[in-house]
Amino acid sequence: MSSLPLLILLGMIGGWQWVIIIALILVLFGGKKIPELMRGMGRGIKEFKDAVSKDYTAETPAKSNETTKPTDETTK
């Protein structure tokens, strides 16, 4: 993935535009709700990183390569 479009977008937004965006976010969500939103986003990112780096081979049950043949006691 290229980050070029993001860099172009960030280059087009100036300082005053960022101030307006932050002010709108404060008005829409309020100062009390923003830390909760950021905390939830941080937890989500942490869970995602843990899931990506987790080794799933230890959790999957080992498949048995042994083929068991049924023994019929009546044929003996």
Protein backbone atom coordinates (compact mmCIF):
# COMPACT_ATOMS: atom_id res chain seq x y z
CA MET A 1 0.00 0.00 0.00
CA SER A 2 1.23 3.40 -0.85
CA SER A 3 0.90 6.25 1.62
CA LEU A 4 1.21 8.83 -1.16
CA PRO A 5 -2.53 9.72 -1.24
CA LEU A 6 -2.47 10.25 2.52
CA LEU A 7 0.57 12.50 2.23
CA ILE A 8 -1.12 14.50 -0.51
CA LEU A 9 -4.26 14.86 1.62
CA LEU A 10 -2.31 15.94 4.67
CA GLY A 11 -0.33 18.40 2.56
CA MET A 12 -3.53 20.06 1.41
CA ILE A 13 -4.86 20.64 4.93
CA GLY A 14 -3.30 23.61 6.67
CA GLY A 15 -3.02 24.56 10.32
CA TRP A 16 -6.29 26.44 10.58
CA GLN A 17 -8.17 23.58 8.94
CA TRP A 18 -6.84 21.21 11.62
CA VAL A 19 -7.99 23.62 14.34
CA ILE A 20 -11.47 23.71 12.83
CA ILE A 21 -11.60 19.91 12.53
CA ILE A 22 -10.53 19.45 16.16
CA ALA A 23 -13.05 22.06 17.32
CA LEU A 24 -15.84 20.27 15.42
CA ILE A 25 -14.87 16.95 16.99
CA LEU A 26 -14.97 18.56 20.45
CA VAL A 27 -18.39 20.04 19.75
CA LEU A 28 -19.83 16.81 18.35
CA PHE A 29 -18.49 14.37 20.94
CA GLY A 30 -17.76 16.57 23.93
CA GLY A 31 -14.63 16.66 26.04
CA LYS A 32 -15.76 13.80 28.26
CA LYS A 33 -16.45 11.31 25.47
CA ILE A 34 -13.20 11.78 23.52
CA PRO A 35 -10.92 10.01 26.07
CA GLU A 36 -13.34 7.07 26.10
CA LEU A 37 -13.28 6.90 22.30
CA MET A 38 -9.48 7.06 22.20
CA ARG A 39 -9.19 4.41 24.92
CA GLY A 40 -11.49 2.10 22.94
CA MET A 41 -9.54 2.72 19.77
CA GLY A 42 -6.28 1.99 21.60
CA ARG A 43 -7.67 -1.29 22.91
CA GLY A 44 -8.81 -2.24 19.44
CA ILE A 45 -5.39 -1.52 17.95
CA LYS A 46 -3.71 -3.51 20.74
CA GLU A 47 -6.03 -6.49 20.18
CA PHE A 48 -5.39 -6.32 16.45
CA LYS A 49 -1.61 -6.29 16.95
CA ASP A 50 -1.87 -9.20 19.39
CA ALA A 51 -3.98 -11.17 16.95
CA VAL A 52 -1.59 -10.53 14.08
CA SER A 53 1.50 -11.54 16.05
CA LYS A 54 -0.12 -14.51 17.80
CA ASP A 55 1.12 -18.00 16.96
CA TYR A 56 -1.93 -20.08 16.14
CA THR A 57 -0.05 -23.31 15.53
CA ALA A 58 0.13 -24.01 19.27
CA GLU A 59 -3.64 -23.71 19.66
CA THR A 60 -4.74 -25.97 16.84
CA PRO A 61 -5.19 -29.56 17.93
CA ALA A 62 -2.69 -32.00 16.48
CA LYS A 63 -4.20 -34.26 13.87
CA SER A 64 -3.65 -37.90 14.46
CA ASN A 65 -1.87 -39.64 11.61
CA GLU A 66 -2.64 -43.04 13.04
CA THR A 67 -5.41 -44.86 11.28
CA THR A 68 -7.20 -47.15 13.63
CA LYS A 69 -8.78 -50.17 12.10
CA PRO A 70 -11.83 -51.48 13.87
CA THR A 71 -11.30 -54.85 15.40
CA ASP A 72 -14.11 -57.24 15.15
CA GLU A 73 -14.08 -59.62 18.07
CA THR A 74 -16.68 -61.88 16.46
CA THR A 75 -14.47 -62.89 13.50
CA LYS A 76 -11.80 -64.46 15.68
